[in-house]
Amino acid sequence: MQVVKTGIDICQISRIKKLLDKPSFLQRVFTAAELEDKRPEHLAALFAAKEAFFKATQIKLQKLNEIEIKKDKNARPYLSFNPKNLKFKISSCDLSLSHDGDCAVACVVILAE
C-alpha cells in the first residue's frame, strides 16, 4: 500500500542572515556544497526544505547536514539523504522551494511504500 506523506516549513530570511557569522551553525545545518551560495534567501529555503523533510518523514538525525539539497540537470531541487534512517521505502520525493520578502518556504511530498 502506498501512502502520501507531506511536510511544509517557512523560515524568516532575516533569521538566517543573523546566523551567517556563526560557523558552527552553518556547518551543523548545511553541507559544503550548499554553502557555495551563501545568499540568506537561498540558505533559508534550504533550511525550510530540511525541516519540511523531517516533518514528512518524522526521522531523527544528529545534524541537518545529513540531508543535502541538490539540483538535477534541469536545475530542479531534490533531496539527497541516506535512507537507512527511514522506516519506510520512498517511491518518489518532490521538493518545491520559494522565497519572497523576508520568508522562504519549502514543501516536500513523498510517496512511500
N, C-alpha and C. Protein backbone atom coordinates (compact mmCIF):
# COMPACT_ATOMS: atom_id res chain seq x y z
N MET A 1 0.84 -1.18 0.00
CA MET A 1 0.00 0.00 0.00
C MET A 1 0.89 1.25 0.00
N GLN A 2 0.54 2.22 -0.84
CA GLN A 2 1.31 3.46 -0.90
C GLN A 2 0.61 4.55 -0.08
N VAL A 3 1.44 5.37 0.54
CA VAL A 3 0.96 6.44 1.40
C VAL A 3 1.64 7.74 0.98
N VAL A 4 0.88 8.83 0.98
CA VAL A 4 1.45 10.14 0.70
C VAL A 4 1.80 10.81 2.03
N LYS A 5 3.03 11.29 2.11
CA LYS A 5 3.49 11.99 3.31
C LYS A 5 3.91 13.39 2.88
N THR A 6 3.50 14.40 3.63
CA THR A 6 3.83 15.77 3.26
C THR A 6 4.47 16.52 4.43
N GLY A 7 5.25 17.51 4.10
CA GLY A 7 5.84 18.39 5.09
C GLY A 7 6.02 19.76 4.48
N ILE A 8 5.79 20.79 5.26
CA ILE A 8 5.98 22.17 4.80
C ILE A 8 6.63 22.96 5.92
N ASP A 9 7.48 23.92 5.54
CA ASP A 9 8.12 24.76 6.55
C ASP A 9 8.37 26.13 5.95
N ILE A 10 8.34 27.12 6.82
CA ILE A 10 8.63 28.50 6.44
C ILE A 10 9.74 29.01 7.34
N CYS A 11 10.63 29.81 6.78
CA CYS A 11 11.79 30.32 7.53
C CYS A 11 11.97 31.80 7.22
N GLN A 12 12.19 32.59 8.25
CA GLN A 12 12.47 34.00 8.05
C GLN A 12 13.90 34.17 7.54
N ILE A 13 14.04 34.85 6.43
CA ILE A 13 15.35 35.08 5.84
C ILE A 13 16.22 35.91 6.79
N SER A 14 15.64 36.86 7.49
CA SER A 14 16.41 37.70 8.42
C SER A 14 17.01 36.86 9.55
N ARG A 15 16.32 35.78 9.93
CA ARG A 15 16.85 34.88 10.97
C ARG A 15 18.13 34.21 10.50
N ILE A 16 18.13 33.74 9.27
CA ILE A 16 19.32 33.09 8.71
C ILE A 16 20.43 34.12 8.51
N LYS A 17 20.06 35.32 8.09
CA LYS A 17 21.05 36.39 7.88
C LYS A 17 21.84 36.66 9.16
N LYS A 18 21.16 36.63 10.30
CA LYS A 18 21.82 36.86 11.60
C LYS A 18 22.77 35.73 11.97
N LEU A 19 22.54 34.53 11.41
CA LEU A 19 23.35 33.36 11.76
C LEU A 19 24.51 33.12 10.80
N LEU A 20 24.64 33.94 9.75
CA LEU A 20 25.69 33.74 8.76
C LEU A 20 27.10 33.87 9.33
N ASP A 21 27.26 34.58 10.43
CA ASP A 21 28.59 34.73 11.02
C ASP A 21 28.85 33.71 12.13
N LYS A 22 28.04 32.66 12.18
CA LYS A 22 28.22 31.59 13.17
C LYS A 22 28.60 30.29 12.45
N PRO A 23 29.91 30.04 12.28
CA PRO A 23 30.36 28.85 11.54
C PRO A 23 29.81 27.53 12.10
N SER A 24 29.65 27.44 13.41
CA SER A 24 29.15 26.18 13.99
C SER A 24 27.73 25.89 13.52
N PHE A 25 26.90 26.92 13.43
CA PHE A 25 25.54 26.74 12.92
C PHE A 25 25.58 26.32 11.46
N LEU A 26 26.35 27.03 10.66
CA LEU A 26 26.41 26.73 9.22
C LEU A 26 26.88 25.31 8.97
N GLN A 27 27.91 24.86 9.67
CA GLN A 27 28.45 23.52 9.46
C GLN A 27 27.52 22.43 9.97
N ARG A 28 26.75 22.71 11.00
CA ARG A 28 25.80 21.74 11.54
C ARG A 28 24.58 21.57 10.64
N VAL A 29 24.22 22.62 9.93
CA VAL A 29 22.99 22.62 9.15
C VAL A 29 23.22 22.36 7.66
N PHE A 30 24.27 22.92 7.09
CA PHE A 30 24.47 22.87 5.64
C PHE A 30 25.72 22.07 5.26
N THR A 31 25.68 21.48 4.07
CA THR A 31 26.86 20.80 3.53
C THR A 31 27.77 21.84 2.87
N ALA A 32 29.00 21.45 2.60
CA ALA A 32 29.95 22.36 1.94
C ALA A 32 29.41 22.81 0.59
N ALA A 33 28.80 21.91 -0.16
CA ALA A 33 28.24 22.27 -1.47
C ALA A 33 27.11 23.28 -1.33
N GLU A 34 26.28 23.11 -0.31
CA GLU A 34 25.17 24.05 -0.11
C GLU A 34 25.68 25.43 0.27
N LEU A 35 26.81 25.49 0.96
CA LEU A 35 27.37 26.77 1.40
C LEU A 35 28.13 27.51 0.30
N GLU A 36 28.20 26.94 -0.90
CA GLU A 36 28.82 27.66 -2.01
C GLU A 36 28.02 28.91 -2.36
N ASP A 37 26.72 28.89 -2.10
CA ASP A 37 25.86 30.05 -2.31
C ASP A 37 25.35 30.49 -0.94
N LYS A 38 25.93 31.55 -0.40
CA LYS A 38 25.59 31.99 0.96
C LYS A 38 24.56 33.11 1.00
N ARG A 39 23.81 33.29 -0.08
CA ARG A 39 22.74 34.29 -0.02
C ARG A 39 21.74 33.84 1.04
N PRO A 40 21.35 34.75 1.93
CA PRO A 40 20.44 34.38 3.01
C PRO A 40 19.13 33.76 2.52
N GLU A 41 18.57 34.27 1.42
CA GLU A 41 17.32 33.71 0.92
C GLU A 41 17.49 32.27 0.42
N HIS A 42 18.65 31.99 -0.14
CA HIS A 42 18.95 30.63 -0.60
C HIS A 42 19.07 29.68 0.59
N LEU A 43 19.86 30.07 1.58
CA LEU A 43 20.06 29.21 2.75
C LEU A 43 18.77 29.05 3.56
N ALA A 44 17.95 30.08 3.63
CA ALA A 44 16.68 29.98 4.34
C ALA A 44 15.76 28.96 3.65
N ALA A 45 15.76 28.95 2.32
CA ALA A 45 14.95 27.97 1.58
C ALA A 45 15.46 26.55 1.82
N LEU A 46 16.79 26.38 1.87
CA LEU A 46 17.36 25.06 2.13
C LEU A 46 17.02 24.60 3.55
N PHE A 47 17.11 25.53 4.50
CA PHE A 47 16.77 25.20 5.89
C PHE A 47 15.30 24.76 5.97
N ALA A 48 14.42 25.50 5.31
CA ALA A 48 13.00 25.15 5.30
C ALA A 48 12.79 23.78 4.64
N ALA A 49 13.55 23.47 3.60
CA ALA A 49 13.42 22.18 2.93
C ALA A 49 13.78 21.02 3.86
N LYS A 50 14.85 21.20 4.61
CA LYS A 50 15.27 20.15 5.54
C LYS A 50 14.24 19.95 6.64
N GLU A 51 13.70 21.05 7.16
CA GLU A 51 12.65 20.95 8.18
C GLU A 51 11.39 20.30 7.62
N ALA A 52 11.02 20.65 6.40
CA ALA A 52 9.84 20.05 5.76
C ALA A 52 10.05 18.55 5.56
N PHE A 53 11.27 18.16 5.21
CA PHE A 53 11.57 16.74 5.06
C PHE A 53 11.39 15.99 6.38
N PHE A 54 11.88 16.59 7.48
CA PHE A 54 11.70 15.96 8.79
C PHE A 54 10.24 15.83 9.16
N LYS A 55 9.47 16.83 8.83
CA LYS A 55 8.03 16.76 9.13
C LYS A 55 7.36 15.66 8.33
N ALA A 56 7.78 15.47 7.09
CA ALA A 56 7.19 14.43 6.24
C ALA A 56 7.61 13.03 6.66
N THR A 57 8.86 12.89 7.09
CA THR A 57 9.39 11.55 7.39
C THR A 57 9.39 11.21 8.87
N GLN A 58 9.42 12.22 9.72
CA GLN A 58 9.48 12.05 11.17
C GLN A 58 10.72 11.27 11.62
N ILE A 59 11.83 11.46 10.89
CA ILE A 59 13.07 10.81 11.30
C ILE A 59 13.85 11.73 12.23
N LYS A 60 14.76 11.16 12.96
CA LYS A 60 15.62 11.93 13.86
C LYS A 60 17.06 11.79 13.39
N LEU A 61 17.71 12.93 13.21
CA LEU A 61 19.11 12.95 12.81
C LEU A 61 19.90 13.78 13.81
N GLN A 62 21.20 13.57 13.84
CA GLN A 62 22.05 14.36 14.73
C GLN A 62 22.23 15.78 14.19
N LYS A 63 22.39 15.90 12.87
CA LYS A 63 22.65 17.19 12.24
C LYS A 63 21.81 17.32 10.97
N LEU A 64 21.38 18.53 10.69
CA LEU A 64 20.61 18.77 9.47
C LEU A 64 21.45 18.56 8.21
N ASN A 65 22.78 18.66 8.34
CA ASN A 65 23.62 18.50 7.15
C ASN A 65 23.71 17.05 6.67
N GLU A 66 22.99 16.14 7.34
CA GLU A 66 22.91 14.76 6.85
C GLU A 66 21.97 14.67 5.65
N ILE A 67 21.26 15.75 5.39
CA ILE A 67 20.41 15.87 4.21
C ILE A 67 20.99 16.98 3.36
N GLU A 68 21.07 16.75 2.05
CA GLU A 68 21.60 17.77 1.15
C GLU A 68 20.58 18.06 0.07
N ILE A 69 20.41 19.33 -0.25
CA ILE A 69 19.54 19.72 -1.35
C ILE A 69 20.44 19.96 -2.55
N LYS A 70 20.17 19.21 -3.61
CA LYS A 70 20.95 19.31 -4.85
C LYS A 70 20.01 19.74 -5.97
N LYS A 71 20.58 19.93 -7.16
CA LYS A 71 19.77 20.26 -8.33
C LYS A 71 20.02 19.23 -9.43
N ASP A 72 18.94 18.85 -10.12
CA ASP A 72 19.10 17.91 -11.22
C ASP A 72 19.55 18.66 -12.48
N LYS A 73 19.63 17.97 -13.60
CA LYS A 73 20.13 18.58 -14.83
C LYS A 73 19.25 19.73 -15.32
N ASN A 74 18.00 19.78 -14.86
CA ASN A 74 17.09 20.86 -15.23
C ASN A 74 17.01 21.94 -14.15
N ALA A 75 17.94 21.91 -13.19
CA ALA A 75 18.03 22.86 -12.07
C ALA A 75 16.86 22.74 -11.11
N ARG A 76 16.18 21.60 -11.12
CA ARG A 76 15.08 21.36 -10.17
C ARG A 76 15.68 20.80 -8.88
N PRO A 77 15.30 21.35 -7.71
CA PRO A 77 15.89 20.86 -6.46
C PRO A 77 15.37 19.48 -6.07
N TYR A 78 16.25 18.72 -5.43
CA TYR A 78 15.84 17.42 -4.88
C TYR A 78 16.64 17.15 -3.61
N LEU A 79 16.13 16.24 -2.81
CA LEU A 79 16.75 15.89 -1.54
C LEU A 79 17.65 14.67 -1.71
N SER A 80 18.84 14.76 -1.13
CA SER A 80 19.78 13.64 -1.12
C SER A 80 20.02 13.28 0.34
N PHE A 81 19.83 12.00 0.68
CA PHE A 81 19.94 11.58 2.07
C PHE A 81 20.19 10.08 2.12
N ASN A 82 20.60 9.60 3.27
CA ASN A 82 20.81 8.18 3.48
C ASN A 82 19.50 7.56 3.95
N PRO A 83 18.92 6.66 3.18
CA PRO A 83 17.61 6.10 3.54
C PRO A 83 17.63 5.14 4.72
N LYS A 84 18.80 4.85 5.29
CA LYS A 84 18.87 3.88 6.39
C LYS A 84 18.06 4.32 7.61
N ASN A 85 17.85 5.62 7.78
CA ASN A 85 17.12 6.13 8.93
C ASN A 85 15.60 6.08 8.76
N LEU A 86 15.15 5.74 7.58
CA LEU A 86 13.71 5.72 7.32
C LEU A 86 13.08 4.39 7.71
N LYS A 87 11.82 4.46 8.11
CA LYS A 87 11.08 3.25 8.48
C LYS A 87 10.19 2.79 7.34
N PHE A 88 10.35 3.40 6.17
CA PHE A 88 9.55 3.05 5.00
C PHE A 88 10.39 3.30 3.75
N LYS A 89 9.94 2.75 2.64
CA LYS A 89 10.65 2.93 1.37
C LYS A 89 9.99 4.08 0.61
N ILE A 90 10.81 4.95 0.07
CA ILE A 90 10.30 6.09 -0.70
C ILE A 90 10.26 5.72 -2.18
N SER A 91 9.06 5.84 -2.76
CA SER A 91 8.90 5.62 -4.20
C SER A 91 9.26 6.88 -4.97
N SER A 92 8.85 8.04 -4.45
CA SER A 92 9.22 9.31 -5.05
C SER A 92 9.18 10.40 -3.98
N CYS A 93 9.95 11.43 -4.23
CA CYS A 93 10.04 12.54 -3.28
C CYS A 93 10.16 13.83 -4.09
N ASP A 94 9.19 14.72 -3.95
CA ASP A 94 9.22 16.00 -4.64
C ASP A 94 9.48 17.13 -3.65
N LEU A 95 10.22 18.12 -4.11
CA LEU A 95 10.58 19.27 -3.29
C LEU A 95 10.29 20.53 -4.07
N SER A 96 9.65 21.49 -3.41
CA SER A 96 9.41 22.80 -4.01
C SER A 96 9.91 23.87 -3.04
N LEU A 97 10.67 24.84 -3.56
CA LEU A 97 11.25 25.92 -2.76
C LEU A 97 10.81 27.26 -3.33
N SER A 98 10.63 28.24 -2.44
CA SER A 98 10.31 29.58 -2.89
C SER A 98 10.70 30.58 -1.81
N HIS A 99 10.90 31.83 -2.21
CA HIS A 99 11.14 32.89 -1.23
C HIS A 99 10.61 34.20 -1.78
N ASP A 100 10.13 35.04 -0.84
CA ASP A 100 9.61 36.35 -1.19
C ASP A 100 9.66 37.21 0.07
N GLY A 101 10.05 38.45 -0.08
CA GLY A 101 10.15 39.32 1.08
C GLY A 101 11.12 38.74 2.08
N ASP A 102 10.67 38.57 3.33
CA ASP A 102 11.54 38.03 4.38
C ASP A 102 11.24 36.56 4.68
N CYS A 103 10.55 35.86 3.78
CA CYS A 103 10.19 34.47 4.04
C CYS A 103 10.65 33.54 2.92
N ALA A 104 11.11 32.38 3.34
CA ALA A 104 11.41 31.29 2.41
C ALA A 104 10.53 30.12 2.84
N VAL A 105 10.05 29.37 1.87
CA VAL A 105 9.15 28.25 2.16
C VAL A 105 9.58 27.03 1.36
N ALA A 106 9.31 25.87 1.92
CA ALA A 106 9.61 24.62 1.22
C ALA A 106 8.48 23.63 1.49
N CYS A 107 8.19 22.84 0.49
CA CYS A 107 7.17 21.80 0.61
C CYS A 107 7.77 20.49 0.09
N VAL A 108 7.58 19.43 0.86
CA VAL A 108 8.05 18.10 0.49
C VAL A 108 6.84 17.17 0.40
N VAL A 109 6.75 16.44 -0.70
CA VAL A 109 5.70 15.45 -0.88
C VAL A 109 6.38 14.13 -1.21
N ILE A 110 6.08 13.12 -0.39
CA ILE A 110 6.70 11.81 -0.53
C ILE A 110 5.63 10.76 -0.81
N LEU A 111 5.92 9.91 -1.75
CA LEU A 111 5.09 8.73 -1.98
C LEU A 111 5.86 7.57 -1.37
N ALA A 112 5.31 6.98 -0.31
CA ALA A 112 6.01 5.94 0.44
C ALA A 112 5.30 4.61 0.34
N GLU A 113 6.08 3.55 0.47
CA GLU A 113 5.52 2.19 0.47
C GLU A 113 5.59 1.61 1.86
